[in-house]
Amino acid sequence: MIGLNPLHEWWKMSSYTKWYHYFWLTPIIAVFLGIAWVVLTIVDSVLFKK
């Protein structure tokens, strides 16, 4: 059954490209989390600067 369990045959070459995408998806998520943390830190320091 293709689609029900994408990790069932993750080791096969046919699904290797999908598994490989996690390598570039991880740093992208890390960058977005870093940017969001910096923006929230700046906004918090500006709005609640009393």
N, C-alpha and C. Protein backbone atom coordinates (compact mmCIF):
# COMPACT_ATOMS: atom_id res chain seq x y z
N MET A 1 0.84 -1.19 0.00
CA MET A 1 0.00 0.00 0.00
C MET A 1 0.88 1.26 0.00
N ILE A 2 0.95 1.92 -1.12
CA ILE A 2 1.76 3.13 -1.21
C ILE A 2 0.95 4.31 -0.69
N GLY A 3 1.52 5.06 0.23
CA GLY A 3 0.84 6.24 0.75
C GLY A 3 0.34 6.05 2.17
N LEU A 4 0.03 4.80 2.54
CA LEU A 4 -0.47 4.58 3.89
C LEU A 4 0.67 4.69 4.91
N ASN A 5 1.83 4.11 4.57
CA ASN A 5 2.97 4.14 5.48
C ASN A 5 4.22 4.51 4.70
N PRO A 6 4.55 5.80 4.61
CA PRO A 6 5.70 6.25 3.81
C PRO A 6 7.03 5.76 4.37
N LEU A 7 7.08 5.41 5.66
CA LEU A 7 8.33 4.96 6.26
C LEU A 7 8.49 3.45 6.20
N HIS A 8 7.51 2.75 5.61
CA HIS A 8 7.56 1.30 5.56
C HIS A 8 8.72 0.83 4.69
N GLU A 9 8.94 1.50 3.56
CA GLU A 9 10.01 1.10 2.65
C GLU A 9 10.95 2.27 2.41
N TRP A 10 11.36 2.94 3.50
CA TRP A 10 12.20 4.13 3.38
C TRP A 10 13.59 3.78 2.90
N TRP A 11 14.01 2.52 3.08
CA TRP A 11 15.37 2.11 2.74
C TRP A 11 15.51 1.80 1.26
N LYS A 12 14.41 1.72 0.51
CA LYS A 12 14.49 1.41 -0.92
C LYS A 12 14.91 2.65 -1.71
N MET A 13 15.57 2.45 -2.83
CA MET A 13 16.06 3.55 -3.65
C MET A 13 14.90 4.38 -4.21
N SER A 14 13.75 3.79 -4.41
CA SER A 14 12.61 4.52 -4.97
C SER A 14 12.12 5.59 -3.99
N SER A 15 12.29 5.35 -2.70
CA SER A 15 11.84 6.31 -1.69
C SER A 15 13.01 7.06 -1.08
N TYR A 16 14.22 6.86 -1.61
CA TYR A 16 15.41 7.49 -1.03
C TYR A 16 15.39 8.99 -1.21
N THR A 17 14.83 9.47 -2.33
CA THR A 17 14.80 10.91 -2.58
C THR A 17 13.92 11.60 -1.55
N LYS A 18 12.80 10.98 -1.20
CA LYS A 18 11.90 11.59 -0.21
C LYS A 18 12.59 11.64 1.15
N TRP A 19 13.31 10.57 1.51
CA TRP A 19 14.01 10.54 2.79
C TRP A 19 15.17 11.53 2.77
N TYR A 20 15.76 11.76 1.61
CA TYR A 20 16.91 12.66 1.50
C TYR A 20 16.51 14.11 1.71
N HIS A 21 15.24 14.43 1.47
CA HIS A 21 14.81 15.82 1.60
C HIS A 21 14.90 16.31 3.04
N TYR A 22 14.88 15.39 4.00
CA TYR A 22 14.95 15.81 5.40
C TYR A 22 16.27 16.50 5.72
N PHE A 23 17.34 16.20 4.93
CA PHE A 23 18.64 16.81 5.20
C PHE A 23 18.61 18.31 4.95
N TRP A 24 17.93 18.77 3.90
CA TRP A 24 17.88 20.22 3.66
C TRP A 24 16.66 20.83 4.32
N LEU A 25 15.71 20.02 4.75
CA LEU A 25 14.54 20.56 5.43
C LEU A 25 14.87 20.92 6.88
N THR A 26 15.76 20.15 7.49
CA THR A 26 16.13 20.40 8.88
C THR A 26 16.80 21.75 9.10
N PRO A 27 17.84 22.11 8.31
CA PRO A 27 18.45 23.44 8.51
C PRO A 27 17.50 24.58 8.20
N ILE A 28 16.57 24.37 7.26
CA ILE A 28 15.59 25.43 6.95
C ILE A 28 14.69 25.68 8.16
N ILE A 29 14.24 24.61 8.80
CA ILE A 29 13.41 24.75 9.99
C ILE A 29 14.21 25.42 11.11
N ALA A 30 15.49 25.05 11.24
CA ALA A 30 16.34 25.65 12.27
C ALA A 30 16.52 27.14 12.03
N VAL A 31 16.68 27.54 10.77
CA VAL A 31 16.85 28.96 10.43
C VAL A 31 15.57 29.73 10.76
N PHE A 32 14.42 29.16 10.40
CA PHE A 32 13.15 29.84 10.69
C PHE A 32 12.94 29.97 12.20
N LEU A 33 13.30 28.95 12.96
CA LEU A 33 13.16 29.03 14.42
C LEU A 33 14.10 30.09 14.98
N GLY A 34 15.30 30.18 14.43
CA GLY A 34 16.26 31.19 14.89
C GLY A 34 15.78 32.60 14.60
N ILE A 35 15.26 32.81 13.39
CA ILE A 35 14.76 34.13 13.02
C ILE A 35 13.56 34.51 13.89
N ALA A 36 12.66 33.54 14.10
CA ALA A 36 11.48 33.81 14.92
C ALA A 36 11.89 34.16 16.35
N TRP A 37 12.92 33.47 16.88
CA TRP A 37 13.37 33.75 18.25
C TRP A 37 13.96 35.15 18.35
N VAL A 38 14.74 35.55 17.35
CA VAL A 38 15.34 36.89 17.35
C VAL A 38 14.25 37.96 17.25
N VAL A 39 13.29 37.75 16.36
CA VAL A 39 12.21 38.74 16.18
C VAL A 39 11.39 38.85 17.47
N LEU A 40 11.04 37.72 18.07
CA LEU A 40 10.26 37.77 19.31
C LEU A 40 11.05 38.43 20.43
N THR A 41 12.36 38.21 20.46
CA THR A 41 13.19 38.83 21.50
C THR A 41 13.23 40.35 21.33
N ILE A 42 13.37 40.81 20.08
CA ILE A 42 13.41 42.25 19.81
C ILE A 42 12.05 42.89 20.12
N VAL A 43 10.98 42.26 19.66
CA VAL A 43 9.64 42.80 19.90
C VAL A 43 9.34 42.83 21.39
N ASP A 44 9.73 41.79 22.11
CA ASP A 44 9.48 41.75 23.55
C ASP A 44 10.26 42.84 24.27
N SER A 45 11.49 43.09 23.85
CA SER A 45 12.30 44.12 24.52
C SER A 45 11.81 45.52 24.17
N VAL A 46 11.18 45.69 23.00
CA VAL A 46 10.70 47.02 22.59
C VAL A 46 9.35 47.32 23.22
N LEU A 47 8.43 46.35 23.19
CA LEU A 47 7.08 46.59 23.70
C LEU A 47 7.06 46.70 25.22
N PHE A 48 7.87 45.89 25.89
CA PHE A 48 7.82 45.86 27.35
C PHE A 48 9.05 46.52 27.96
N LYS A 49 9.50 47.59 27.30
CA LYS A 49 10.68 48.31 27.79
C LYS A 49 10.22 49.42 28.73
N LYS A 50 9.96 49.05 29.98
CA LYS A 50 9.50 50.04 30.95
C LYS A 50 10.41 50.06 32.17
